[in-house]
N, C-alpha and C. Protein backbone atom coordinates (compact mmCIF):
# COMPACT_ATOMS: atom_id res chain seq x y z
N MET A 1 114.73 86.37 75.30
CA MET A 1 115.43 85.36 76.10
C MET A 1 114.41 84.64 77.01
N ARG A 2 114.49 83.37 77.02
CA ARG A 2 113.55 82.57 77.82
C ARG A 2 114.02 82.51 79.27
N VAL A 3 113.12 82.84 80.19
CA VAL A 3 113.44 82.83 81.62
C VAL A 3 113.31 81.41 82.16
N PRO A 4 114.34 80.91 82.85
CA PRO A 4 114.26 79.55 83.41
C PRO A 4 113.10 79.40 84.38
N PHE A 5 112.51 78.22 84.38
CA PHE A 5 111.37 77.94 85.26
C PHE A 5 111.73 78.13 86.73
N SER A 6 112.99 77.83 87.07
CA SER A 6 113.43 77.95 88.47
C SER A 6 113.32 79.38 88.97
N PHE A 7 113.47 80.36 88.06
CA PHE A 7 113.34 81.77 88.45
C PHE A 7 111.92 82.07 88.92
N TYR A 8 110.94 81.50 88.20
CA TYR A 8 109.54 81.70 88.60
C TYR A 8 109.29 81.09 89.98
N VAL A 9 109.82 79.90 90.21
CA VAL A 9 109.62 79.22 91.49
C VAL A 9 110.23 80.04 92.62
N ILE A 10 111.47 80.51 92.42
CA ILE A 10 112.13 81.33 93.44
C ILE A 10 111.35 82.61 93.69
N GLY A 11 110.85 83.24 92.62
CA GLY A 11 110.07 84.47 92.76
C GLY A 11 108.80 84.26 93.55
N ILE A 12 108.10 83.15 93.29
CA ILE A 12 106.86 82.85 94.02
C ILE A 12 107.15 82.63 95.49
N ILE A 13 108.23 81.90 95.79
CA ILE A 13 108.59 81.63 97.19
C ILE A 13 108.91 82.93 97.92
N LEU A 14 109.66 83.82 97.27
CA LEU A 14 110.03 85.08 97.89
C LEU A 14 108.81 85.97 98.12
N MET A 15 107.92 86.03 97.15
CA MET A 15 106.73 86.89 97.26
C MET A 15 105.73 86.34 98.27
N SER A 16 105.78 85.03 98.52
CA SER A 16 104.83 84.44 99.47
C SER A 16 105.07 84.95 100.88
N GLY A 17 106.24 85.52 101.15
CA GLY A 17 106.53 86.05 102.48
C GLY A 17 106.26 87.52 102.61
N CYS A 18 105.61 88.13 101.60
CA CYS A 18 105.37 89.58 101.62
C CYS A 18 104.07 89.97 102.31
N SER A 19 103.25 89.01 102.70
CA SER A 19 101.97 89.32 103.33
C SER A 19 102.16 89.84 104.75
N ASN A 20 101.23 90.73 105.17
CA ASN A 20 101.26 91.25 106.54
C ASN A 20 100.57 90.32 107.52
N LEU A 21 99.91 89.27 107.01
CA LEU A 21 99.21 88.34 107.89
C LEU A 21 100.21 87.54 108.71
N SER A 22 100.02 87.51 110.01
CA SER A 22 100.94 86.80 110.90
C SER A 22 100.17 85.76 111.69
N VAL A 23 100.44 84.50 111.41
CA VAL A 23 99.74 83.41 112.09
C VAL A 23 100.41 83.05 113.41
N LEU A 24 101.71 83.27 113.51
CA LEU A 24 102.48 82.83 114.68
C LEU A 24 102.66 83.92 115.72
N ASP A 25 101.93 85.03 115.59
CA ASP A 25 102.03 86.13 116.56
C ASP A 25 100.64 86.40 117.12
N SER A 26 100.17 85.54 118.01
CA SER A 26 98.80 85.61 118.51
C SER A 26 98.60 86.80 119.44
N LYS A 27 97.47 87.46 119.27
CA LYS A 27 97.08 88.60 120.10
C LYS A 27 95.67 88.44 120.67
N GLY A 28 95.17 87.21 120.63
CA GLY A 28 93.83 86.93 121.14
C GLY A 28 93.77 85.56 121.77
N THR A 29 92.76 85.34 122.59
CA THR A 29 92.65 84.07 123.32
C THR A 29 92.47 82.89 122.39
N ALA A 30 91.62 83.04 121.36
CA ALA A 30 91.38 81.93 120.44
C ALA A 30 92.64 81.60 119.65
N ALA A 31 93.30 82.63 119.13
CA ALA A 31 94.54 82.41 118.38
C ALA A 31 95.62 81.80 119.26
N ASP A 32 95.66 82.19 120.53
CA ASP A 32 96.66 81.65 121.44
C ASP A 32 96.44 80.16 121.67
N SER A 33 95.20 79.74 121.83
CA SER A 33 94.88 78.31 122.01
C SER A 33 95.27 77.51 120.78
N GLU A 34 94.97 78.05 119.61
CA GLU A 34 95.28 77.35 118.36
C GLU A 34 96.79 77.30 118.13
N LEU A 35 97.50 78.36 118.55
CA LEU A 35 98.95 78.38 118.37
C LEU A 35 99.61 77.32 119.26
N LYS A 36 99.08 77.10 120.45
CA LYS A 36 99.62 76.06 121.33
C LYS A 36 99.44 74.68 120.70
N LEU A 37 98.31 74.45 120.05
CA LEU A 37 98.10 73.18 119.35
C LEU A 37 99.10 73.01 118.21
N LEU A 38 99.37 74.11 117.52
CA LEU A 38 100.34 74.06 116.43
C LEU A 38 101.73 73.71 116.95
N TYR A 39 102.12 74.32 118.06
CA TYR A 39 103.44 74.03 118.64
C TYR A 39 103.51 72.58 119.12
N LEU A 40 102.41 72.06 119.68
CA LEU A 40 102.38 70.66 120.11
C LEU A 40 102.56 69.73 118.91
N SER A 41 101.87 70.02 117.81
CA SER A 41 101.98 69.20 116.60
C SER A 41 103.41 69.23 116.06
N ILE A 42 104.00 70.42 116.03
CA ILE A 42 105.38 70.55 115.53
C ILE A 42 106.34 69.77 116.42
N ALA A 43 106.16 69.85 117.75
CA ALA A 43 107.04 69.14 118.67
C ALA A 43 106.97 67.63 118.45
N LEU A 44 105.75 67.11 118.27
CA LEU A 44 105.59 65.68 118.03
C LEU A 44 106.23 65.27 116.70
N MET A 45 106.05 66.11 115.67
CA MET A 45 106.65 65.79 114.37
C MET A 45 108.17 65.82 114.43
N VAL A 46 108.71 66.77 115.19
CA VAL A 46 110.17 66.87 115.34
C VAL A 46 110.71 65.62 116.03
N ILE A 47 110.01 65.15 117.07
CA ILE A 47 110.44 63.94 117.78
C ILE A 47 110.45 62.74 116.84
N VAL A 48 109.37 62.60 116.05
CA VAL A 48 109.29 61.48 115.10
C VAL A 48 110.42 61.56 114.08
N LEU A 49 110.66 62.75 113.55
CA LEU A 49 111.73 62.91 112.56
C LEU A 49 113.10 62.61 113.15
N LEU A 50 113.34 63.05 114.38
CA LEU A 50 114.63 62.77 115.03
C LEU A 50 114.85 61.28 115.21
N VAL A 51 113.80 60.58 115.64
CA VAL A 51 113.91 59.13 115.83
C VAL A 51 114.16 58.43 114.49
N VAL A 52 113.39 58.80 113.47
CA VAL A 52 113.52 58.16 112.16
C VAL A 52 114.90 58.40 111.56
N PHE A 53 115.37 59.65 111.58
CA PHE A 53 116.67 59.95 110.98
C PHE A 53 117.82 59.37 111.80
N SER A 54 117.65 59.31 113.12
CA SER A 54 118.69 58.69 113.96
C SER A 54 118.83 57.21 113.64
N LEU A 55 117.70 56.51 113.53
CA LEU A 55 117.74 55.09 113.19
C LEU A 55 118.27 54.89 111.78
N PHE A 56 117.87 55.78 110.86
CA PHE A 56 118.35 55.68 109.49
C PHE A 56 119.87 55.79 109.42
N ILE A 57 120.43 56.79 110.11
CA ILE A 57 121.89 56.99 110.09
C ILE A 57 122.59 55.83 110.79
N ARG A 58 122.02 55.36 111.89
CA ARG A 58 122.63 54.24 112.62
C ARG A 58 122.69 52.99 111.75
N PHE A 59 121.57 52.66 111.10
CA PHE A 59 121.55 51.47 110.25
C PHE A 59 122.42 51.65 109.02
N LEU A 60 122.48 52.88 108.52
CA LEU A 60 123.30 53.16 107.35
C LEU A 60 124.79 52.90 107.63
N ILE A 61 125.20 53.25 108.84
CA ILE A 61 126.60 53.05 109.22
C ILE A 61 126.87 51.61 109.65
N LYS A 62 125.99 51.08 110.48
CA LYS A 62 126.22 49.76 111.06
C LYS A 62 126.15 48.65 110.01
N TYR A 63 125.23 48.75 109.08
CA TYR A 63 125.01 47.64 108.13
C TYR A 63 125.49 47.97 106.72
N ARG A 64 126.38 48.94 106.61
CA ARG A 64 126.92 49.26 105.29
C ARG A 64 127.81 48.12 104.80
N GLU A 65 127.95 48.04 103.51
CA GLU A 65 128.79 47.00 102.91
C GLU A 65 130.26 47.35 103.10
N ARG A 66 131.02 46.39 103.62
CA ARG A 66 132.44 46.60 103.87
C ARG A 66 133.26 45.79 102.86
N PRO A 67 134.54 46.13 102.71
CA PRO A 67 135.39 45.36 101.79
C PRO A 67 135.39 43.87 102.13
N GLY A 68 135.22 43.04 101.13
CA GLY A 68 135.18 41.60 101.34
C GLY A 68 133.79 41.06 101.56
N GLN A 69 132.78 41.95 101.66
CA GLN A 69 131.40 41.49 101.90
C GLN A 69 130.51 41.69 100.67
N GLU A 70 131.15 41.89 99.50
CA GLU A 70 130.39 42.20 98.30
C GLU A 70 129.36 41.12 97.96
N ASN A 71 129.66 39.87 98.20
CA ASN A 71 128.77 38.78 97.84
C ASN A 71 128.06 38.15 99.04
N ASP A 72 128.24 38.76 100.20
CA ASP A 72 127.58 38.22 101.40
C ASP A 72 126.10 38.61 101.40
N PHE A 73 125.27 37.68 101.82
CA PHE A 73 123.85 37.95 101.95
C PHE A 73 123.53 38.08 103.44
N PRO A 74 123.01 39.23 103.88
CA PRO A 74 122.79 39.44 105.32
C PRO A 74 121.79 38.47 105.91
N THR A 75 122.00 38.14 107.15
CA THR A 75 121.09 37.24 107.87
C THR A 75 119.74 37.92 108.06
N GLN A 76 118.68 37.22 107.69
CA GLN A 76 117.34 37.77 107.81
C GLN A 76 116.82 37.62 109.24
N ILE A 77 116.32 38.72 109.78
CA ILE A 77 115.78 38.71 111.15
C ILE A 77 114.29 39.00 111.06
N GLU A 78 113.49 38.17 111.70
CA GLU A 78 112.04 38.39 111.68
C GLU A 78 111.44 37.87 112.98
N GLY A 79 110.22 38.31 113.21
CA GLY A 79 109.50 37.83 114.38
C GLY A 79 109.93 38.47 115.68
N ASN A 80 110.45 39.70 115.65
CA ASN A 80 110.80 40.41 116.88
C ASN A 80 109.54 41.08 117.42
N LYS A 81 108.93 40.45 118.41
CA LYS A 81 107.65 40.93 118.92
C LYS A 81 107.76 42.27 119.61
N LYS A 82 108.88 42.54 120.25
CA LYS A 82 109.05 43.83 120.94
C LYS A 82 109.05 44.99 119.94
N LEU A 83 109.80 44.82 118.84
CA LEU A 83 109.84 45.87 117.82
C LEU A 83 108.49 46.04 117.14
N GLU A 84 107.86 44.92 116.80
CA GLU A 84 106.57 44.99 116.12
C GLU A 84 105.52 45.66 117.00
N THR A 85 105.53 45.34 118.29
CA THR A 85 104.60 45.97 119.22
C THR A 85 104.87 47.46 119.35
N THR A 86 106.17 47.82 119.38
CA THR A 86 106.55 49.22 119.53
C THR A 86 106.06 50.06 118.37
N TRP A 87 106.32 49.62 117.13
CA TRP A 87 105.93 50.48 116.00
C TRP A 87 104.44 50.42 115.68
N ILE A 88 103.70 49.54 116.36
CA ILE A 88 102.24 49.57 116.24
C ILE A 88 101.64 50.46 117.33
N VAL A 89 102.14 50.35 118.55
CA VAL A 89 101.58 51.07 119.68
C VAL A 89 101.99 52.54 119.66
N LEU A 90 103.25 52.82 119.29
CA LEU A 90 103.76 54.19 119.36
C LEU A 90 102.95 55.19 118.54
N PRO A 91 102.56 54.88 117.29
CA PRO A 91 101.72 55.85 116.55
C PRO A 91 100.39 56.15 117.24
N PHE A 92 99.79 55.13 117.87
CA PHE A 92 98.55 55.36 118.60
C PHE A 92 98.77 56.28 119.79
N VAL A 93 99.91 56.14 120.46
CA VAL A 93 100.23 57.02 121.59
C VAL A 93 100.38 58.46 121.12
N ILE A 94 101.10 58.64 120.00
CA ILE A 94 101.30 59.99 119.46
C ILE A 94 99.96 60.61 119.05
N LEU A 95 99.11 59.83 118.38
CA LEU A 95 97.80 60.34 117.98
C LEU A 95 96.95 60.69 119.18
N PHE A 96 97.05 59.91 120.24
CA PHE A 96 96.27 60.18 121.46
C PHE A 96 96.74 61.48 122.10
N ILE A 97 98.05 61.67 122.18
CA ILE A 97 98.61 62.90 122.76
C ILE A 97 98.14 64.13 121.98
N LEU A 98 98.03 63.99 120.66
CA LEU A 98 97.60 65.11 119.83
C LEU A 98 96.08 65.27 119.82
N ALA A 99 95.35 64.16 119.86
CA ALA A 99 93.90 64.21 119.71
C ALA A 99 93.20 64.81 120.92
N VAL A 100 93.65 64.46 122.13
CA VAL A 100 92.97 64.91 123.35
C VAL A 100 92.93 66.44 123.46
N PRO A 101 94.07 67.14 123.40
CA PRO A 101 94.00 68.61 123.47
C PRO A 101 93.32 69.24 122.26
N THR A 102 93.41 68.58 121.09
CA THR A 102 92.75 69.13 119.90
C THR A 102 91.24 69.12 120.07
N PHE A 103 90.68 67.98 120.49
CA PHE A 103 89.24 67.89 120.71
C PHE A 103 88.80 68.83 121.83
N ALA A 104 89.59 68.91 122.92
CA ALA A 104 89.24 69.76 124.05
C ALA A 104 89.21 71.24 123.64
N THR A 105 90.23 71.67 122.90
CA THR A 105 90.31 73.07 122.47
C THR A 105 89.19 73.39 121.48
N THR A 106 88.94 72.49 120.53
CA THR A 106 87.89 72.71 119.54
C THR A 106 86.53 72.83 120.21
N TYR A 107 86.26 71.95 121.16
CA TYR A 107 84.98 72.00 121.88
C TYR A 107 84.87 73.29 122.68
N GLN A 108 85.96 73.69 123.33
CA GLN A 108 85.95 74.91 124.13
C GLN A 108 85.68 76.15 123.27
N LEU A 109 86.33 76.23 122.11
CA LEU A 109 86.15 77.39 121.24
C LEU A 109 84.74 77.42 120.64
N ASP A 110 84.20 76.25 120.30
CA ASP A 110 82.87 76.20 119.70
C ASP A 110 81.76 76.56 120.69
N ASN A 111 82.01 76.32 121.98
CA ASN A 111 80.97 76.56 122.99
C ASN A 111 81.30 77.72 123.92
N LYS A 112 82.26 78.53 123.53
CA LYS A 112 82.70 79.61 124.41
C LYS A 112 81.66 80.71 124.57
N ALA A 113 80.85 80.94 123.54
CA ALA A 113 79.88 82.03 123.58
C ALA A 113 78.92 81.89 124.76
N GLU A 114 78.61 80.66 125.15
CA GLU A 114 77.65 80.43 126.22
C GLU A 114 78.19 80.88 127.58
N SER A 115 79.50 80.88 127.75
CA SER A 115 80.09 81.22 129.04
C SER A 115 80.66 82.63 129.09
N MET A 116 80.49 83.41 128.03
CA MET A 116 81.06 84.76 127.99
C MET A 116 80.25 85.73 128.84
N ASP A 117 80.95 86.62 129.51
CA ASP A 117 80.32 87.62 130.36
C ASP A 117 80.29 88.96 129.63
N GLU A 118 79.08 89.46 129.35
CA GLU A 118 78.87 90.74 128.66
C GLU A 118 79.69 90.86 127.38
N PRO A 119 79.46 89.97 126.43
CA PRO A 119 80.23 90.03 125.18
C PRO A 119 79.75 91.16 124.28
N LEU A 120 80.64 91.59 123.40
CA LEU A 120 80.28 92.53 122.35
C LEU A 120 79.84 91.71 121.15
N VAL A 121 78.61 91.93 120.70
CA VAL A 121 78.05 91.17 119.58
C VAL A 121 78.17 92.00 118.30
N ILE A 122 78.73 91.39 117.26
CA ILE A 122 78.87 92.05 115.97
C ILE A 122 78.32 91.12 114.90
N ASN A 123 77.39 91.61 114.11
CA ASN A 123 76.84 90.84 112.99
C ASN A 123 77.67 91.13 111.74
N VAL A 124 78.21 90.08 111.15
CA VAL A 124 79.10 90.22 110.00
C VAL A 124 78.43 89.64 108.77
N THR A 125 78.40 90.44 107.69
CA THR A 125 77.85 89.99 106.42
C THR A 125 78.96 89.96 105.38
N GLY A 126 79.21 88.79 104.83
CA GLY A 126 80.19 88.66 103.75
C GLY A 126 79.49 88.70 102.41
N LYS A 127 80.02 89.47 101.50
CA LYS A 127 79.42 89.55 100.17
C LYS A 127 80.51 89.84 99.15
N GLN A 128 80.19 89.60 97.90
CA GLN A 128 81.15 89.87 96.83
C GLN A 128 81.15 91.37 96.51
N PHE A 129 82.20 92.12 96.91
CA PHE A 129 83.43 91.62 97.55
C PHE A 129 83.76 92.59 98.68
N SER A 130 83.09 92.47 99.80
CA SER A 130 83.34 93.34 100.94
C SER A 130 82.76 92.70 102.21
N TRP A 131 83.15 93.28 103.34
CA TRP A 131 82.63 92.84 104.64
C TRP A 131 81.84 93.98 105.26
N VAL A 132 80.68 93.67 105.81
CA VAL A 132 79.86 94.66 106.50
C VAL A 132 79.73 94.24 107.96
N PHE A 133 80.08 95.14 108.88
CA PHE A 133 80.04 94.87 110.31
C PHE A 133 78.97 95.75 110.95
N TYR A 134 78.04 95.12 111.64
CA TYR A 134 76.94 95.85 112.29
C TYR A 134 76.97 95.57 113.80
N TYR A 135 76.98 96.66 114.59
CA TYR A 135 76.96 96.56 116.05
C TYR A 135 75.53 96.81 116.53
N PRO A 136 74.75 95.75 116.82
CA PRO A 136 73.35 95.96 117.22
C PRO A 136 73.22 96.73 118.54
N GLU A 137 74.23 96.61 119.41
CA GLU A 137 74.16 97.30 120.70
C GLU A 137 74.20 98.82 120.52
N PHE A 138 74.90 99.28 119.47
CA PHE A 138 75.06 100.72 119.25
C PHE A 138 74.45 101.19 117.93
N GLU A 139 73.92 100.25 117.12
CA GLU A 139 73.35 100.55 115.81
C GLU A 139 74.37 101.27 114.92
N ILE A 140 75.58 100.72 114.90
CA ILE A 140 76.68 101.26 114.10
C ILE A 140 77.01 100.26 113.00
N THR A 141 77.24 100.76 111.79
CA THR A 141 77.61 99.91 110.66
C THR A 141 78.94 100.37 110.08
N LEU A 142 79.85 99.43 109.87
CA LEU A 142 81.14 99.71 109.25
C LEU A 142 81.33 98.77 108.06
N GLU A 143 82.12 99.21 107.09
CA GLU A 143 82.42 98.38 105.93
C GLU A 143 83.93 98.23 105.79
N ASN A 144 84.36 96.96 105.72
CA ASN A 144 85.77 96.61 105.55
C ASN A 144 86.67 97.11 106.68
N GLU A 145 86.08 97.37 107.82
CA GLU A 145 86.85 97.68 109.02
C GLU A 145 86.01 97.36 110.24
N VAL A 146 86.67 96.96 111.31
CA VAL A 146 85.97 96.64 112.55
C VAL A 146 86.82 97.11 113.71
N LYS A 147 86.16 97.68 114.71
CA LYS A 147 86.85 98.21 115.88
C LYS A 147 86.42 97.41 117.11
N LEU A 148 87.40 96.96 117.91
CA LEU A 148 87.13 96.11 119.06
C LEU A 148 87.78 96.68 120.31
N PRO A 149 87.16 96.46 121.49
CA PRO A 149 87.80 96.86 122.75
C PRO A 149 88.70 95.74 123.26
N VAL A 150 89.83 96.10 123.83
CA VAL A 150 90.76 95.10 124.34
C VAL A 150 90.18 94.44 125.60
N ASP A 151 90.48 93.18 125.79
CA ASP A 151 90.09 92.40 126.99
C ASP A 151 88.57 92.29 127.17
N ARG A 152 87.81 92.47 126.10
CA ARG A 152 86.36 92.23 126.18
C ARG A 152 85.99 91.13 125.19
N PRO A 153 85.25 90.12 125.64
CA PRO A 153 84.86 89.04 124.72
C PRO A 153 84.02 89.57 123.56
N VAL A 154 84.23 88.99 122.39
CA VAL A 154 83.52 89.40 121.18
C VAL A 154 82.89 88.17 120.53
N ILE A 155 81.65 88.32 120.11
CA ILE A 155 80.96 87.27 119.36
C ILE A 155 80.64 87.82 117.98
N PHE A 156 81.21 87.18 116.95
CA PHE A 156 80.89 87.53 115.57
C PHE A 156 79.81 86.57 115.07
N ASN A 157 78.66 87.11 114.69
CA ASN A 157 77.62 86.32 114.04
C ASN A 157 77.83 86.44 112.53
N LEU A 158 78.21 85.34 111.90
CA LEU A 158 78.65 85.37 110.51
C LEU A 158 77.60 84.79 109.57
N HIS A 159 77.30 85.53 108.51
CA HIS A 159 76.45 84.98 107.45
C HIS A 159 76.84 85.62 106.12
N SER A 160 76.51 84.93 105.04
CA SER A 160 76.88 85.38 103.70
C SER A 160 75.65 85.85 102.93
N GLU A 161 75.87 86.85 102.09
CA GLU A 161 74.79 87.38 101.26
C GLU A 161 74.70 86.66 99.92
N ASP A 162 75.78 85.93 99.57
CA ASP A 162 75.80 85.30 98.26
C ASP A 162 76.47 83.93 98.27
N VAL A 163 77.82 83.89 98.22
CA VAL A 163 78.54 82.62 98.13
C VAL A 163 79.23 82.32 99.45
N ILE A 164 79.97 81.20 99.49
CA ILE A 164 80.70 80.82 100.71
C ILE A 164 81.95 81.67 100.84
N HIS A 165 82.12 82.29 102.00
CA HIS A 165 83.33 83.04 102.33
C HIS A 165 83.98 82.39 103.55
N SER A 166 85.11 82.92 103.97
CA SER A 166 85.79 82.43 105.18
C SER A 166 86.36 83.63 105.93
N PHE A 167 85.90 83.82 107.15
CA PHE A 167 86.28 84.96 107.98
C PHE A 167 87.55 84.61 108.75
N TRP A 168 88.57 85.47 108.63
CA TRP A 168 89.87 85.12 109.23
C TRP A 168 90.61 86.37 109.68
N ILE A 169 90.93 86.41 110.99
CA ILE A 169 91.84 87.41 111.55
C ILE A 169 92.96 86.60 112.21
N PRO A 170 94.03 86.29 111.50
CA PRO A 170 95.02 85.31 111.98
C PRO A 170 95.57 85.56 113.38
N GLN A 171 95.79 86.83 113.75
CA GLN A 171 96.39 87.10 115.05
C GLN A 171 95.38 87.05 116.19
N LEU A 172 94.09 86.99 115.86
CA LEU A 172 93.06 86.96 116.90
C LEU A 172 92.32 85.64 116.98
N ALA A 173 92.13 84.96 115.85
CA ALA A 173 91.39 83.69 115.85
C ALA A 173 91.58 82.98 114.53
N GLY A 174 91.17 81.72 114.50
CA GLY A 174 91.27 80.93 113.28
C GLY A 174 90.14 81.23 112.31
N LYS A 175 90.12 80.49 111.20
CA LYS A 175 89.14 80.71 110.15
C LYS A 175 87.76 80.17 110.56
N LYS A 176 86.74 80.81 110.02
CA LYS A 176 85.37 80.33 110.23
C LYS A 176 84.60 80.52 108.93
N ASP A 177 83.94 79.46 108.47
CA ASP A 177 83.16 79.54 107.24
C ASP A 177 82.00 80.52 107.39
N VAL A 178 81.76 81.29 106.34
CA VAL A 178 80.64 82.22 106.29
C VAL A 178 79.71 81.73 105.18
N LEU A 179 78.55 81.22 105.56
CA LEU A 179 77.69 80.50 104.63
C LEU A 179 76.39 81.25 104.35
N PRO A 180 75.87 81.12 103.14
CA PRO A 180 74.53 81.67 102.86
C PRO A 180 73.46 80.81 103.52
N HIS A 181 72.42 81.47 104.03
CA HIS A 181 71.27 80.79 104.64
C HIS A 181 71.64 80.04 105.93
N LYS A 182 72.79 80.37 106.53
CA LYS A 182 73.18 79.71 107.78
C LYS A 182 74.08 80.67 108.55
N GLU A 183 73.89 80.72 109.86
CA GLU A 183 74.70 81.61 110.70
C GLU A 183 75.71 80.81 111.50
N ASN A 184 76.97 81.21 111.41
CA ASN A 184 78.03 80.64 112.23
C ASN A 184 78.51 81.68 113.23
N GLN A 185 79.11 81.21 114.31
CA GLN A 185 79.62 82.11 115.34
C GLN A 185 81.12 81.93 115.50
N LEU A 186 81.80 83.04 115.70
CA LEU A 186 83.22 83.04 116.02
C LEU A 186 83.41 83.88 117.27
N THR A 187 84.04 83.30 118.28
CA THR A 187 84.26 84.02 119.54
C THR A 187 85.74 84.24 119.76
N LEU A 188 86.08 85.39 120.33
CA LEU A 188 87.47 85.70 120.63
C LEU A 188 87.52 86.83 121.66
N THR A 189 88.69 86.98 122.25
CA THR A 189 88.94 88.10 123.17
C THR A 189 90.29 88.70 122.84
N PRO A 190 90.33 89.93 122.30
CA PRO A 190 91.62 90.57 122.00
C PRO A 190 92.41 90.83 123.28
N LEU A 191 93.69 90.54 123.24
CA LEU A 191 94.54 90.69 124.43
C LEU A 191 95.45 91.90 124.36
N GLU A 192 95.67 92.45 123.17
CA GLU A 192 96.55 93.60 123.01
C GLU A 192 95.96 94.59 122.01
N THR A 193 96.18 95.87 122.27
CA THR A 193 95.75 96.88 121.31
C THR A 193 96.65 96.84 120.07
N GLY A 194 96.11 97.30 118.97
CA GLY A 194 96.88 97.29 117.73
C GLY A 194 95.96 97.16 116.53
N THR A 195 96.56 97.10 115.36
CA THR A 195 95.83 96.94 114.11
C THR A 195 96.21 95.62 113.46
N TYR A 196 95.21 94.81 113.15
CA TYR A 196 95.44 93.47 112.64
C TYR A 196 94.68 93.27 111.32
N ASP A 197 95.33 92.62 110.39
CA ASP A 197 94.73 92.39 109.08
C ASP A 197 93.76 91.21 109.13
N GLY A 198 92.65 91.36 108.42
CA GLY A 198 91.70 90.27 108.26
C GLY A 198 91.40 90.08 106.79
N LYS A 199 90.90 88.92 106.42
CA LYS A 199 90.63 88.66 105.01
C LYS A 199 89.64 87.51 104.85
N CYS A 200 89.20 87.35 103.62
CA CYS A 200 88.42 86.17 103.26
C CYS A 200 89.40 85.09 102.84
N ALA A 201 89.33 83.95 103.49
CA ALA A 201 90.27 82.86 103.22
C ALA A 201 89.67 81.78 102.32
N GLU A 202 88.57 82.09 101.67
CA GLU A 202 87.91 81.16 100.75
C GLU A 202 87.74 81.85 99.40
N PHE A 203 88.28 81.23 98.33
CA PHE A 203 88.16 81.85 97.02
C PHE A 203 86.69 82.03 96.68
N CYS A 204 86.28 83.28 96.47
CA CYS A 204 84.85 83.58 96.32
C CYS A 204 84.52 84.33 95.04
N GLY A 205 85.48 84.44 94.13
CA GLY A 205 85.18 85.11 92.87
C GLY A 205 86.36 85.90 92.34
N ALA A 206 86.11 86.64 91.27
CA ALA A 206 87.20 87.31 90.55
C ALA A 206 87.93 88.34 91.40
N SER A 207 87.24 89.02 92.30
CA SER A 207 87.86 90.07 93.13
C SER A 207 88.10 89.60 94.55
N HIS A 208 88.29 88.31 94.73
CA HIS A 208 88.53 87.74 96.06
C HIS A 208 89.70 88.40 96.77
N ALA A 209 90.76 88.74 96.03
CA ALA A 209 91.96 89.30 96.65
C ALA A 209 91.70 90.65 97.32
N PHE A 210 90.64 91.35 96.91
CA PHE A 210 90.34 92.65 97.49
C PHE A 210 89.44 92.55 98.72
N MET A 211 89.03 91.35 99.07
CA MET A 211 88.09 91.17 100.18
C MET A 211 88.86 91.08 101.50
N THR A 212 89.41 92.21 101.89
CA THR A 212 90.18 92.30 103.13
C THR A 212 89.53 93.34 104.04
N PHE A 213 89.91 93.31 105.30
CA PHE A 213 89.41 94.31 106.24
C PHE A 213 90.44 94.57 107.32
N GLU A 214 90.29 95.69 108.01
CA GLU A 214 91.23 96.10 109.04
C GLU A 214 90.56 95.99 110.41
N THR A 215 91.24 95.33 111.32
CA THR A 215 90.74 95.16 112.69
C THR A 215 91.57 96.02 113.62
N THR A 216 90.91 96.96 114.29
CA THR A 216 91.60 97.86 115.22
C THR A 216 91.14 97.55 116.64
N VAL A 217 92.08 97.22 117.50
CA VAL A 217 91.79 96.93 118.91
C VAL A 217 92.26 98.12 119.74
N VAL A 218 91.36 98.71 120.50
CA VAL A 218 91.66 99.91 121.29
C VAL A 218 91.33 99.67 122.76
N GLU A 219 91.74 100.59 123.60
CA GLU A 219 91.40 100.52 125.02
C GLU A 219 89.88 100.63 125.18
N GLN A 220 89.36 100.06 126.27
CA GLN A 220 87.91 100.04 126.46
C GLN A 220 87.32 101.44 126.57
N GLU A 221 88.03 102.34 127.22
CA GLU A 221 87.54 103.72 127.34
C GLU A 221 87.51 104.40 125.97
N THR A 222 88.56 104.16 125.17
CA THR A 222 88.60 104.72 123.81
C THR A 222 87.46 104.17 122.96
N PHE A 223 87.18 102.87 123.12
CA PHE A 223 86.08 102.25 122.38
C PHE A 223 84.74 102.86 122.79
N LYS A 224 84.57 103.11 124.08
CA LYS A 224 83.33 103.71 124.57
C LYS A 224 83.14 105.11 123.99
N GLN A 225 84.21 105.88 123.94
CA GLN A 225 84.14 107.22 123.36
C GLN A 225 83.81 107.14 121.86
N TRP A 226 84.42 106.17 121.18
CA TRP A 226 84.17 106.02 119.74
C TRP A 226 82.71 105.67 119.47
N THR A 227 82.14 104.77 120.27
CA THR A 227 80.74 104.38 120.05
C THR A 227 79.81 105.56 120.31
N ASN A 228 80.14 106.40 121.28
CA ASN A 228 79.30 107.59 121.55
C ASN A 228 79.34 108.55 120.38
N VAL A 229 80.56 108.77 119.85
CA VAL A 229 80.70 109.69 118.71
C VAL A 229 80.02 109.12 117.47
N ALA A 230 80.27 107.83 117.19
CA ALA A 230 79.69 107.18 116.01
C ALA A 230 78.16 107.14 116.11
N ASP A 231 77.64 106.94 117.33
CA ASP A 231 76.20 106.87 117.53
C ASP A 231 75.56 108.22 117.23
N LYS A 232 76.24 109.30 117.64
CA LYS A 232 75.71 110.64 117.38
C LYS A 232 75.75 110.94 115.88
N GLN A 233 76.81 110.49 115.20
CA GLN A 233 76.92 110.72 113.77
C GLN A 233 75.83 109.97 113.01
N GLU A 234 75.50 108.75 113.50
CA GLU A 234 74.42 107.98 112.86
C GLU A 234 73.09 108.71 112.99
N ASP A 235 72.88 109.34 114.17
CA ASP A 235 71.64 110.08 114.40
C ASP A 235 71.58 111.31 113.50
């Protein structure tokens, strides 16, 4: 029996919600800033849609064809300078409202490392198909997992061993390209303890789906104890 194409579409839509990645539940300063931009964009889009659909319904009712008007040709109206000015200026106003905080937030996130006080530095190497995290301060190396202290700034130094990857912890920060022969930085500050999923958000080969990692945020005292234990084990 042939399965209808609509069944496949419904199945894909349902399965798309099975991921543990949560973009709208921010637990870090960078993710919180980006989430506010998202809410601002949604609010502006909702306003535009409300105006458009309100005018559409109004015109649909007001200028609908009534009995006896089947052969009437409506009077053409043109040259309304107020309306023409409005629909030219209004999009620029909306873009300005969206552009200013977007540029400000992007600049702030890109230059945050310079203003951080005693950050935790972690060198991240992306490769097919795993993540390697190295803590130069403690000489600790982890694979496919990273442990962070809550309320302490973190700087990830990102580089790739082979192809282009994309480093992403949705609840803590946005995506950052991981490039071969070039180092990128991602800065964030975890605000709550917990375990958060991370992954490569750039298709990087046949086993791309397995290139995930676990981010554990713990209390600062717990993190200090962990580094002492891990440091002794390394020795």
